[in-house]
Amino acid sequence: MAKFGRPKTETSAVTLRLHADVIQAIDDLRRKETDVPTRPEMIRRMLADWLDEKSQREK
């Protein structure tokens, strides 16, 4: 029988509060994506892009 529940991953939960304007900006951006990611996924993408750009600038 298959196991149910969340798969084990190398991640940690981060909880934060954001101003309504910031949430609206995130929602506006995610709706422009072809796959319309969830808010958490959009934030992951935004952070990954920012970290990539930051590392490129530091070279």
PDB file of N, CA and C in Angstrom:
ATOM      1  N   MET A   1       0.838  -1.187   0.000  1.00  0.00           N
ATOM      2  CA  MET A   1       0.000   0.000   0.000  1.00  0.00           C
ATOM      3  C   MET A   1       0.883   1.250   0.000  1.00  0.00           C
ATOM      4  N   ALA A   2       0.521   2.242  -0.799  1.00  0.00           N
ATOM      5  CA  ALA A   2       1.298   3.477  -0.905  1.00  0.00           C
ATOM      6  C   ALA A   2       1.136   4.323   0.344  1.00  0.00           C
ATOM      7  N   LYS A   3       2.224   5.014   0.690  1.00  0.00           N
ATOM      8  CA  LYS A   3       2.165   5.928   1.831  1.00  0.00           C
ATOM      9  C   LYS A   3       1.510   7.228   1.399  1.00  0.00           C
ATOM     10  N   PHE A   4       0.746   7.812   2.295  1.00  0.00           N
ATOM     11  CA  PHE A   4       0.105   9.084   2.025  1.00  0.00           C
ATOM     12  C   PHE A   4       0.779  10.172   2.836  1.00  0.00           C
ATOM     13  N   GLY A   5       0.548  11.403   2.459  1.00  0.00           N
ATOM     14  CA  GLY A   5       1.124  12.521   3.193  1.00  0.00           C
ATOM     15  C   GLY A   5       2.223  13.187   2.383  1.00  0.00           C
ATOM     16  N   ARG A   6       2.849  14.138   3.022  1.00  0.00           N
ATOM     17  CA  ARG A   6       3.886  14.908   2.351  1.00  0.00           C
ATOM     18  C   ARG A   6       5.145  14.084   2.173  1.00  0.00           C
ATOM     19  N   PRO A   7       5.782  14.196   1.032  1.00  0.00           N
ATOM     20  CA  PRO A   7       7.058  13.497   0.849  1.00  0.00           C
ATOM     21  C   PRO A   7       8.143  14.173   1.679  1.00  0.00           C
ATOM     22  N   LYS A   8       9.097  13.389   2.117  1.00  0.00           N
ATOM     23  CA  LYS A   8      10.211  13.959   2.882  1.00  0.00           C
ATOM     24  C   LYS A   8      11.097  14.757   1.946  1.00  0.00           C
ATOM     25  N   THR A   9      11.466  15.941   2.374  1.00  0.00           N
ATOM     26  CA  THR A   9      12.308  16.799   1.548  1.00  0.00           C
ATOM     27  C   THR A   9      13.339  17.480   2.426  1.00  0.00           C
ATOM     28  N   GLU A  10      14.270  18.103   1.790  1.00  0.00           N
ATOM     29  CA  GLU A  10      15.315  18.861   2.483  1.00  0.00           C
ATOM     30  C   GLU A  10      14.892  20.322   2.583  1.00  0.00           C
ATOM     31  N   THR A  11      13.728  20.578   3.148  1.00  0.00           N
ATOM     32  CA  THR A  11      13.204  21.933   3.235  1.00  0.00           C
ATOM     33  C   THR A  11      12.800  22.274   4.655  1.00  0.00           C
ATOM     34  N   SER A  12      12.598  23.548   4.889  1.00  0.00           N
ATOM     35  CA  SER A  12      12.093  24.039   6.163  1.00  0.00           C
ATOM     36  C   SER A  12      10.993  25.046   5.873  1.00  0.00           C
ATOM     37  N   ALA A  13       9.979  25.057   6.705  1.00  0.00           N
ATOM     38  CA  ALA A  13       8.885  26.011   6.544  1.00  0.00           C
ATOM     39  C   ALA A  13       9.315  27.394   7.025  1.00  0.00           C
ATOM     40  N   VAL A  14       8.864  28.409   6.318  1.00  0.00           N
ATOM     41  CA  VAL A  14       9.111  29.796   6.700  1.00  0.00           C
ATOM     42  C   VAL A  14       7.756  30.498   6.688  1.00  0.00           C
ATOM     43  N   THR A  15       7.397  31.069   7.812  1.00  0.00           N
ATOM     44  CA  THR A  15       6.122  31.768   7.913  1.00  0.00           C
ATOM     45  C   THR A  15       6.385  33.258   8.012  1.00  0.00           C
ATOM     46  N   LEU A  16       5.690  34.037   7.207  1.00  0.00           N
ATOM     47  CA  LEU A  16       5.856  35.482   7.264  1.00  0.00           C
ATOM     48  C   LEU A  16       4.554  36.165   6.920  1.00  0.00           C
ATOM     49  N   ARG A  17       4.448  37.408   7.351  1.00  0.00           N
ATOM     50  CA  ARG A  17       3.292  38.227   7.026  1.00  0.00           C
ATOM     51  C   ARG A  17       3.735  39.273   6.026  1.00  0.00           C
ATOM     52  N   LEU A  18       2.881  39.518   5.036  1.00  0.00           N
ATOM     53  CA  LEU A  18       3.184  40.502   4.017  1.00  0.00           C
ATOM     54  C   LEU A  18       2.034  41.498   3.933  1.00  0.00           C
ATOM     55  N   HIS A  19       2.373  42.742   3.631  1.00  0.00           N
ATOM     56  CA  HIS A  19       1.365  43.778   3.463  1.00  0.00           C
ATOM     57  C   HIS A  19       0.478  43.414   2.268  1.00  0.00           C
ATOM     58  N   ALA A  20      -0.755  43.839   2.295  1.00  0.00           N
ATOM     59  CA  ALA A  20      -1.703  43.518   1.228  1.00  0.00           C
ATOM     60  C   ALA A  20      -1.194  43.963  -0.136  1.00  0.00           C
ATOM     61  N   ASP A  21      -0.490  45.090  -0.200  1.00  0.00           N
ATOM     62  CA  ASP A  21       0.053  45.570  -1.473  1.00  0.00           C
ATOM     63  C   ASP A  21       1.094  44.609  -2.040  1.00  0.00           C
ATOM     64  N   VAL A  22       1.894  44.018  -1.174  1.00  0.00           N
ATOM     65  CA  VAL A  22       2.919  43.069  -1.622  1.00  0.00           C
ATOM     66  C   VAL A  22       2.250  41.793  -2.123  1.00  0.00           C
ATOM     67  N   ILE A  23       1.242  41.319  -1.410  1.00  0.00           N
ATOM     68  CA  ILE A  23       0.517  40.126  -1.841  1.00  0.00           C
ATOM     69  C   ILE A  23      -0.152  40.372  -3.189  1.00  0.00           C
ATOM     70  N   GLN A  24      -0.725  41.546  -3.362  1.00  0.00           N
ATOM     71  CA  GLN A  24      -1.360  41.878  -4.636  1.00  0.00           C
ATOM     72  C   GLN A  24      -0.336  41.888  -5.775  1.00  0.00           C
ATOM     73  N   ALA A  25       0.846  42.422  -5.512  1.00  0.00           N
ATOM     74  CA  ALA A  25       1.895  42.451  -6.531  1.00  0.00           C
ATOM     75  C   ALA A  25       2.327  41.029  -6.893  1.00  0.00           C
ATOM     76  N   ILE A  26       2.451  40.157  -5.898  1.00  0.00           N
ATOM     77  CA  ILE A  26       2.805  38.754  -6.148  1.00  0.00           C
ATOM     78  C   ILE A  26       1.707  38.085  -6.967  1.00  0.00           C
ATOM     79  N   ASP A  27       0.450  38.313  -6.589  1.00  0.00           N
ATOM     80  CA  ASP A  27      -0.668  37.724  -7.328  1.00  0.00           C
ATOM     81  C   ASP A  27      -0.701  38.213  -8.772  1.00  0.00           C
ATOM     82  N   ASP A  28      -0.439  39.497  -8.978  1.00  0.00           N
ATOM     83  CA  ASP A  28      -0.414  40.041 -10.338  1.00  0.00           C
ATOM     84  C   ASP A  28       0.668  39.372 -11.170  1.00  0.00           C
ATOM     85  N   LEU A  29       1.839  39.178 -10.587  1.00  0.00           N
ATOM     86  CA  LEU A  29       2.939  38.532 -11.310  1.00  0.00           C
ATOM     87  C   LEU A  29       2.644  37.072 -11.613  1.00  0.00           C
ATOM     88  N   ARG A  30       2.098  36.369 -10.637  1.00  0.00           N
ATOM     89  CA  ARG A  30       1.867  34.934 -10.855  1.00  0.00           C
ATOM     90  C   ARG A  30       0.796  34.678 -11.897  1.00  0.00           C
ATOM     91  N   ARG A  31      -0.165  35.583 -12.035  1.00  0.00           N
ATOM     92  CA  ARG A  31      -1.203  35.419 -13.055  1.00  0.00           C
ATOM     93  C   ARG A  31      -0.652  35.617 -14.467  1.00  0.00           C
ATOM     94  N   LYS A  32       0.503  36.248 -14.581  1.00  0.00           N
ATOM     95  CA  LYS A  32       1.150  36.425 -15.886  1.00  0.00           C
ATOM     96  C   LYS A  32       1.915  35.175 -16.322  1.00  0.00           C
ATOM     97  N   GLU A  33       2.156  34.261 -15.384  1.00  0.00           N
ATOM     98  CA  GLU A  33       2.852  33.017 -15.702  1.00  0.00           C
ATOM     99  C   GLU A  33       1.899  32.072 -16.438  1.00  0.00           C
ATOM    100  N   THR A  34       2.422  31.281 -17.363  1.00  0.00           N
ATOM    101  CA  THR A  34       1.566  30.376 -18.137  1.00  0.00           C
ATOM    102  C   THR A  34       0.927  29.288 -17.275  1.00  0.00           C
ATOM    103  N   ASP A  35       1.613  28.881 -16.189  1.00  0.00           N
ATOM    104  CA  ASP A  35       1.086  27.812 -15.343  1.00  0.00           C
ATOM    105  C   ASP A  35       0.404  28.321 -14.073  1.00  0.00           C
ATOM    106  N   VAL A  36       0.304  29.603 -13.860  1.00  0.00           N
ATOM    107  CA  VAL A  36      -0.291  30.254 -12.680  1.00  0.00           C
ATOM    108  C   VAL A  36       0.092  29.507 -11.398  1.00  0.00           C
ATOM    109  N   PRO A  37       1.322  29.726 -10.935  1.00  0.00           N
ATOM    110  CA  PRO A  37       1.789  29.039  -9.728  1.00  0.00           C
ATOM    111  C   PRO A  37       1.062  29.533  -8.482  1.00  0.00           C
ATOM    112  N   THR A  38       1.147  28.746  -7.431  1.00  0.00           N
ATOM    113  CA  THR A  38       0.605  29.167  -6.139  1.00  0.00           C
ATOM    114  C   THR A  38       1.450  30.328  -5.617  1.00  0.00           C
ATOM    115  N   ARG A  39       0.950  31.016  -4.614  1.00  0.00           N
ATOM    116  CA  ARG A  39       1.743  32.102  -4.014  1.00  0.00           C
ATOM    117  C   ARG A  39       3.091  31.592  -3.518  1.00  0.00           C
ATOM    118  N   PRO A  40       3.119  30.499  -2.741  1.00  0.00           N
ATOM    119  CA  PRO A  40       4.422  30.022  -2.270  1.00  0.00           C
ATOM    120  C   PRO A  40       5.377  29.687  -3.419  1.00  0.00           C
ATOM    121  N   GLU A  41       4.865  29.061  -4.478  1.00  0.00           N
ATOM    122  CA  GLU A  41       5.722  28.727  -5.620  1.00  0.00           C
ATOM    123  C   GLU A  41       6.220  29.992  -6.303  1.00  0.00           C
ATOM    124  N   MET A  42       5.365  31.002  -6.432  1.00  0.00           N
ATOM    125  CA  MET A  42       5.792  32.256  -7.059  1.00  0.00           C
ATOM    126  C   MET A  42       6.876  32.921  -6.223  1.00  0.00           C
ATOM    127  N   ILE A  43       6.728  32.900  -4.913  1.00  0.00           N
ATOM    128  CA  ILE A  43       7.744  33.485  -4.031  1.00  0.00           C
ATOM    129  C   ILE A  43       9.049  32.713  -4.176  1.00  0.00           C
ATOM    130  N   ARG A  44       8.984  31.375  -4.276  1.00  0.00           N
ATOM    131  CA  ARG A  44      10.193  30.565  -4.496  1.00  0.00           C
ATOM    132  C   ARG A  44      10.881  30.987  -5.793  1.00  0.00           C
ATOM    133  N   ARG A  45      10.101  31.146  -6.849  1.00  0.00           N
ATOM    134  CA  ARG A  45      10.663  31.544  -8.141  1.00  0.00           C
ATOM    135  C   ARG A  45      11.301  32.928  -8.062  1.00  0.00           C
ATOM    136  N   MET A  46      10.613  33.844  -7.407  1.00  0.00           N
ATOM    137  CA  MET A  46      11.132  35.198  -7.281  1.00  0.00           C
ATOM    138  C   MET A  46      12.449  35.196  -6.503  1.00  0.00           C
ATOM    139  N   LEU A  47      12.500  34.436  -5.413  1.00  0.00           N
ATOM    140  CA  LEU A  47      13.731  34.350  -4.620  1.00  0.00           C
ATOM    141  C   LEU A  47      14.855  33.700  -5.421  1.00  0.00           C
ATOM    142  N   ALA A  48      14.534  32.638  -6.154  1.00  0.00           N
ATOM    143  CA  ALA A  48      15.553  31.966  -6.959  1.00  0.00           C
ATOM    144  C   ALA A  48      16.107  32.918  -8.012  1.00  0.00           C
ATOM    145  N   ASP A  49      15.224  33.675  -8.676  1.00  0.00           N
ATOM    146  CA  ASP A  49      15.675  34.650  -9.673  1.00  0.00           C
ATOM    147  C   ASP A  49      16.549  35.714  -9.034  1.00  0.00           C
ATOM    148  N   TRP A  50      16.129  36.227  -7.894  1.00  0.00           N
ATOM    149  CA  TRP A  50      16.886  37.276  -7.208  1.00  0.00           C
ATOM    150  C   TRP A  50      18.258  36.764  -6.796  1.00  0.00           C
ATOM    151  N   LEU A  51      18.302  35.559  -6.228  1.00  0.00           N
ATOM    152  CA  LEU A  51      19.583  34.989  -5.809  1.00  0.00           C
ATOM    153  C   LEU A  51      20.502  34.759  -7.005  1.00  0.00           C
ATOM    154  N   ASP A  52      19.931  34.307  -8.119  1.00  0.00           N
ATOM    155  CA  ASP A  52      20.725  34.090  -9.326  1.00  0.00           C
ATOM    156  C   ASP A  52      21.284  35.420  -9.843  1.00  0.00           C
ATOM    157  N   GLU A  53      20.455  36.440  -9.903  1.00  0.00           N
ATOM    158  CA  GLU A  53      20.919  37.759 -10.360  1.00  0.00           C
ATOM    159  C   GLU A  53      21.982  38.311  -9.422  1.00  0.00           C
ATOM    160  N   LYS A  54      21.788  38.135  -8.133  1.00  0.00           N
ATOM    161  CA  LYS A  54      22.742  38.633  -7.140  1.00  0.00           C
ATOM    162  C   LYS A  54      24.089  37.937  -7.320  1.00  0.00           C
ATOM    163  N   SER A  55      24.074  36.632  -7.516  1.00  0.00           N
ATOM    164  CA  SER A  55      25.336  35.918  -7.682  1.00  0.00           C
ATOM    165  C   SER A  55      26.033  36.311  -8.988  1.00  0.00           C
ATOM    166  N   GLN A  56      25.255  36.609 -10.027  1.00  0.00           N
ATOM    167  CA  GLN A  56      25.839  37.045 -11.296  1.00  0.00           C
ATOM    168  C   GLN A  56      26.515  38.418 -11.148  1.00  0.00           C
ATOM    169  N   ARG A  57      25.911  39.307 -10.377  1.00  0.00           N
ATOM    170  CA  ARG A  57      26.480  40.643 -10.169  1.00  0.00           C
ATOM    171  C   ARG A  57      27.768  40.594  -9.354  1.00  0.00           C
ATOM    172  N   GLU A  58      27.872  39.600  -8.464  1.00  0.00           N
ATOM    173  CA  GLU A  58      29.027  39.508  -7.585  1.00  0.00           C
ATOM    174  C   GLU A  58      30.246  38.885  -8.264  1.00  0.00           C
ATOM    175  N   LYS A  59      30.091  38.384  -9.461  1.00  0.00           N
ATOM    176  CA  LYS A  59      31.224  37.767 -10.173  1.00  0.00           C
ATOM    177  C   LYS A  59      32.134  38.806 -10.754  1.00  0.00           C
TER     178      LYS A  59
END
